[in-house]
Amino acid sequence: MQERQQTTTSNVYYDLVSVLYHALQSAQTSAAYIQDAEQAGQQQVVMFFRQLQQDANSQAEQARHLLDKLESRHAERGQVGSAMLNTPHML
């Protein structure tokens, strides 16, 4: 758990956005690692980085799905855009 941010963004929303960002960053970075391993002829390392990239993409998809779910619940309650506010809503 990170220290509490000093914003009006809810922790859950902030955390999901952070996970989404870092997962996408990991997937993108893995592409460079894959290329390095391919150039070095290290097939076992290539497979490792491909799995890492797939896992990161899966985590990003899950985070995006949860963000969509959070937003749609707020929209159902007539609170469009309020998922970012520091309110105690649950997924």
N, C-alpha and C. Protein backbone atom coordinates (compact mmCIF):
# COMPACT_ATOMS: atom_id res chain seq x y z
N MET A 1 0.84 -1.18 0.00
CA MET A 1 0.00 0.00 0.00
C MET A 1 0.88 1.24 0.00
N GLN A 2 0.58 2.17 -0.86
CA GLN A 2 1.31 3.42 -0.92
C GLN A 2 0.75 4.38 0.12
N GLU A 3 1.51 5.44 0.38
CA GLU A 3 0.98 6.45 1.29
C GLU A 3 -0.26 7.07 0.66
N ARG A 4 -1.15 7.55 1.47
CA ARG A 4 -2.40 8.13 0.97
C ARG A 4 -2.09 9.40 0.18
N GLN A 5 -2.65 9.47 -1.01
CA GLN A 5 -2.44 10.66 -1.82
C GLN A 5 -3.27 11.80 -1.25
N GLN A 6 -2.82 12.98 -1.50
CA GLN A 6 -3.48 14.17 -0.98
C GLN A 6 -4.32 14.82 -2.08
N THR A 7 -5.23 14.04 -2.66
CA THR A 7 -6.10 14.53 -3.72
C THR A 7 -7.53 14.17 -3.38
N THR A 8 -8.45 14.61 -4.23
CA THR A 8 -9.86 14.26 -4.04
C THR A 8 -10.23 13.00 -4.79
N THR A 9 -9.25 12.34 -5.39
CA THR A 9 -9.49 11.09 -6.10
C THR A 9 -9.58 9.94 -5.10
N SER A 10 -10.59 9.09 -5.26
CA SER A 10 -10.72 7.98 -4.32
C SER A 10 -9.54 7.04 -4.45
N ASN A 11 -9.16 6.39 -3.36
CA ASN A 11 -8.04 5.46 -3.37
C ASN A 11 -8.26 4.34 -4.37
N VAL A 12 -9.46 3.79 -4.43
CA VAL A 12 -9.74 2.66 -5.31
C VAL A 12 -9.56 3.09 -6.77
N TYR A 13 -10.11 4.22 -7.14
CA TYR A 13 -9.99 4.71 -8.51
C TYR A 13 -8.52 4.99 -8.84
N TYR A 14 -7.84 5.68 -7.95
CA TYR A 14 -6.42 6.00 -8.12
C TYR A 14 -5.59 4.72 -8.27
N ASP A 15 -5.84 3.74 -7.40
CA ASP A 15 -5.10 2.48 -7.44
C ASP A 15 -5.30 1.74 -8.75
N LEU A 16 -6.55 1.69 -9.22
CA LEU A 16 -6.83 1.00 -10.49
C LEU A 16 -6.16 1.70 -11.67
N VAL A 17 -6.21 3.02 -11.68
CA VAL A 17 -5.54 3.78 -12.75
C VAL A 17 -4.04 3.53 -12.70
N SER A 18 -3.49 3.50 -11.50
CA SER A 18 -2.05 3.25 -11.34
C SER A 18 -1.68 1.85 -11.84
N VAL A 19 -2.46 0.85 -11.47
CA VAL A 19 -2.21 -0.51 -11.93
C VAL A 19 -2.30 -0.58 -13.45
N LEU A 20 -3.31 0.06 -14.02
CA LEU A 20 -3.48 0.08 -15.47
C LEU A 20 -2.25 0.69 -16.14
N TYR A 21 -1.83 1.83 -15.67
CA TYR A 21 -0.66 2.50 -16.23
C TYR A 21 0.58 1.63 -16.16
N HIS A 22 0.86 1.09 -14.98
CA HIS A 22 2.08 0.31 -14.80
C HIS A 22 2.04 -1.01 -15.57
N ALA A 23 0.88 -1.61 -15.68
CA ALA A 23 0.76 -2.84 -16.47
C ALA A 23 1.03 -2.56 -17.94
N LEU A 24 0.46 -1.47 -18.46
CA LEU A 24 0.70 -1.11 -19.86
C LEU A 24 2.17 -0.75 -20.08
N GLN A 25 2.76 -0.06 -19.13
CA GLN A 25 4.18 0.28 -19.23
C GLN A 25 5.03 -0.99 -19.24
N SER A 26 4.69 -1.95 -18.41
CA SER A 26 5.42 -3.21 -18.36
C SER A 26 5.30 -3.99 -19.67
N ALA A 27 4.10 -4.02 -20.22
CA ALA A 27 3.89 -4.71 -21.50
C ALA A 27 4.71 -4.06 -22.60
N GLN A 28 4.74 -2.75 -22.62
CA GLN A 28 5.49 -2.04 -23.65
C GLN A 28 6.99 -2.26 -23.48
N THR A 29 7.47 -2.18 -22.26
CA THR A 29 8.89 -2.39 -21.99
C THR A 29 9.31 -3.82 -22.31
N SER A 30 8.42 -4.76 -22.05
CA SER A 30 8.73 -6.16 -22.34
C SER A 30 9.03 -6.38 -23.81
N ALA A 31 8.41 -5.60 -24.69
CA ALA A 31 8.66 -5.74 -26.12
C ALA A 31 10.15 -5.50 -26.43
N ALA A 32 10.74 -4.52 -25.79
CA ALA A 32 12.18 -4.25 -25.99
C ALA A 32 13.02 -5.40 -25.44
N TYR A 33 12.59 -5.94 -24.29
CA TYR A 33 13.33 -7.06 -23.70
C TYR A 33 13.25 -8.29 -24.59
N ILE A 34 12.10 -8.51 -25.18
CA ILE A 34 11.92 -9.64 -26.09
C ILE A 34 12.88 -9.51 -27.27
N GLN A 35 12.93 -8.32 -27.83
CA GLN A 35 13.82 -8.08 -28.97
C GLN A 35 15.28 -8.31 -28.58
N ASP A 36 15.68 -7.84 -27.43
CA ASP A 36 17.06 -8.06 -26.96
C ASP A 36 17.36 -9.54 -26.83
N ALA A 37 16.44 -10.28 -26.23
CA ALA A 37 16.65 -11.72 -26.03
C ALA A 37 16.67 -12.46 -27.37
N GLU A 38 15.83 -12.04 -28.31
CA GLU A 38 15.83 -12.66 -29.64
C GLU A 38 17.17 -12.43 -30.34
N GLN A 39 17.67 -11.20 -30.25
CA GLN A 39 18.95 -10.88 -30.89
C GLN A 39 20.10 -11.65 -30.25
N ALA A 40 19.97 -11.97 -28.98
CA ALA A 40 21.00 -12.73 -28.28
C ALA A 40 20.83 -14.23 -28.48
N GLY A 41 19.75 -14.62 -29.14
CA GLY A 41 19.52 -16.05 -29.37
C GLY A 41 19.12 -16.81 -28.11
N GLN A 42 18.52 -16.12 -27.16
CA GLN A 42 18.14 -16.72 -25.87
C GLN A 42 16.65 -17.03 -25.86
N GLN A 43 16.27 -18.14 -26.47
CA GLN A 43 14.87 -18.49 -26.64
C GLN A 43 14.14 -18.65 -25.31
N GLN A 44 14.80 -19.21 -24.33
CA GLN A 44 14.16 -19.38 -23.01
C GLN A 44 13.84 -18.02 -22.38
N VAL A 45 14.73 -17.07 -22.57
CA VAL A 45 14.52 -15.71 -22.05
C VAL A 45 13.41 -15.02 -22.85
N VAL A 46 13.38 -15.25 -24.15
CA VAL A 46 12.31 -14.71 -25.00
C VAL A 46 10.96 -15.18 -24.48
N MET A 47 10.85 -16.46 -24.21
CA MET A 47 9.59 -17.02 -23.71
C MET A 47 9.20 -16.42 -22.36
N PHE A 48 10.18 -16.20 -21.50
CA PHE A 48 9.92 -15.58 -20.20
C PHE A 48 9.34 -14.18 -20.39
N PHE A 49 9.99 -13.37 -21.24
CA PHE A 49 9.51 -12.01 -21.44
C PHE A 49 8.17 -11.97 -22.17
N ARG A 50 7.91 -12.92 -23.04
CA ARG A 50 6.59 -12.97 -23.69
C ARG A 50 5.51 -13.28 -22.66
N GLN A 51 5.80 -14.19 -21.74
CA GLN A 51 4.84 -14.51 -20.68
C GLN A 51 4.61 -13.29 -19.79
N LEU A 52 5.70 -12.60 -19.48
CA LEU A 52 5.61 -11.38 -18.68
C LEU A 52 4.73 -10.35 -19.38
N GLN A 53 4.90 -10.20 -20.68
CA GLN A 53 4.11 -9.26 -21.47
C GLN A 53 2.63 -9.67 -21.49
N GLN A 54 2.37 -10.95 -21.67
CA GLN A 54 0.98 -11.43 -21.66
C GLN A 54 0.33 -11.19 -20.31
N ASP A 55 1.06 -11.46 -19.25
CA ASP A 55 0.53 -11.23 -17.89
C ASP A 55 0.22 -9.75 -17.67
N ALA A 56 1.12 -8.88 -18.11
CA ALA A 56 0.92 -7.44 -17.95
C ALA A 56 -0.31 -6.98 -18.75
N ASN A 57 -0.46 -7.48 -19.97
CA ASN A 57 -1.64 -7.14 -20.77
C ASN A 57 -2.92 -7.63 -20.11
N SER A 58 -2.87 -8.80 -19.51
CA SER A 58 -4.04 -9.34 -18.81
C SER A 58 -4.39 -8.48 -17.60
N GLN A 59 -3.38 -8.07 -16.85
CA GLN A 59 -3.61 -7.20 -15.69
C GLN A 59 -4.20 -5.86 -16.13
N ALA A 60 -3.71 -5.33 -17.23
CA ALA A 60 -4.24 -4.06 -17.75
C ALA A 60 -5.70 -4.21 -18.14
N GLU A 61 -6.03 -5.32 -18.79
CA GLU A 61 -7.43 -5.57 -19.17
C GLU A 61 -8.33 -5.68 -17.95
N GLN A 62 -7.85 -6.37 -16.92
CA GLN A 62 -8.64 -6.51 -15.70
C GLN A 62 -8.86 -5.16 -15.02
N ALA A 63 -7.80 -4.36 -14.95
CA ALA A 63 -7.93 -3.04 -14.33
C ALA A 63 -8.90 -2.18 -15.13
N ARG A 64 -8.82 -2.24 -16.45
CA ARG A 64 -9.72 -1.45 -17.30
C ARG A 64 -11.17 -1.91 -17.11
N HIS A 65 -11.36 -3.21 -17.03
CA HIS A 65 -12.71 -3.74 -16.81
C HIS A 65 -13.27 -3.24 -15.48
N LEU A 66 -12.46 -3.26 -14.44
CA LEU A 66 -12.92 -2.80 -13.13
C LEU A 66 -13.20 -1.31 -13.13
N LEU A 67 -12.38 -0.54 -13.83
CA LEU A 67 -12.65 0.90 -13.95
C LEU A 67 -13.96 1.15 -14.68
N ASP A 68 -14.19 0.40 -15.76
CA ASP A 68 -15.46 0.53 -16.49
C ASP A 68 -16.64 0.18 -15.59
N LYS A 69 -16.48 -0.86 -14.81
CA LYS A 69 -17.54 -1.30 -13.89
C LYS A 69 -17.81 -0.23 -12.84
N LEU A 70 -16.75 0.33 -12.32
CA LEU A 70 -16.88 1.40 -11.32
C LEU A 70 -17.60 2.61 -11.91
N GLU A 71 -17.22 3.00 -13.10
CA GLU A 71 -17.86 4.14 -13.77
C GLU A 71 -19.33 3.85 -14.07
N SER A 72 -19.64 2.63 -14.54
CA SER A 72 -21.03 2.33 -14.88
C SER A 72 -21.91 2.31 -13.64
N ARG A 73 -21.39 1.88 -12.52
CA ARG A 73 -22.18 1.91 -11.27
C ARG A 73 -22.47 3.33 -10.84
N HIS A 74 -21.49 4.19 -11.03
CA HIS A 74 -21.72 5.59 -10.69
C HIS A 74 -22.71 6.22 -11.65
N ALA A 75 -22.65 5.86 -12.92
CA ALA A 75 -23.58 6.39 -13.92
C ALA A 75 -25.00 5.94 -13.62
N GLU A 76 -25.17 4.69 -13.18
CA GLU A 76 -26.50 4.17 -12.82
C GLU A 76 -27.11 4.97 -11.68
N ARG A 77 -26.27 5.46 -10.81
CA ARG A 77 -26.75 6.23 -9.65
C ARG A 77 -26.88 7.70 -9.98
N GLY A 78 -26.66 8.06 -11.24
CA GLY A 78 -26.73 9.46 -11.62
C GLY A 78 -25.53 10.25 -11.18
N GLN A 79 -24.43 9.56 -10.96
CA GLN A 79 -23.22 10.22 -10.48
C GLN A 79 -22.13 10.15 -11.55
N VAL A 80 -22.47 10.47 -12.76
CA VAL A 80 -21.52 10.39 -13.86
C VAL A 80 -20.30 11.22 -13.53
N GLY A 81 -19.14 10.62 -13.68
CA GLY A 81 -17.89 11.30 -13.42
C GLY A 81 -17.49 11.38 -11.96
N SER A 82 -18.34 10.92 -11.06
CA SER A 82 -18.01 11.05 -9.64
C SER A 82 -17.18 9.89 -9.12
N ALA A 83 -16.86 8.94 -9.96
CA ALA A 83 -16.00 7.84 -9.51
C ALA A 83 -14.66 8.36 -9.05
N MET A 84 -14.29 9.53 -9.53
CA MET A 84 -13.01 10.10 -9.15
C MET A 84 -13.07 10.81 -7.82
N LEU A 85 -14.24 11.09 -7.34
CA LEU A 85 -14.35 11.80 -6.07
C LEU A 85 -14.07 10.87 -4.90
N ASN A 86 -13.64 11.43 -3.84
CA ASN A 86 -13.28 10.65 -2.65
C ASN A 86 -14.53 10.29 -1.86
N THR A 87 -15.27 9.30 -2.38
CA THR A 87 -16.47 8.83 -1.74
C THR A 87 -16.34 7.34 -1.49
N PRO A 88 -16.97 6.82 -0.46
CA PRO A 88 -16.79 5.42 -0.08
C PRO A 88 -17.65 4.44 -0.88
N HIS A 89 -17.57 4.48 -2.20
CA HIS A 89 -18.33 3.54 -3.02
C HIS A 89 -17.55 2.25 -3.20
N MET A 90 -18.24 1.16 -3.25
CA MET A 90 -17.62 -0.15 -3.41
C MET A 90 -17.84 -0.66 -4.81
N LEU A 91 -16.96 -1.53 -5.29
CA LEU A 91 -17.15 -2.17 -6.59
C LEU A 91 -18.22 -3.23 -6.49
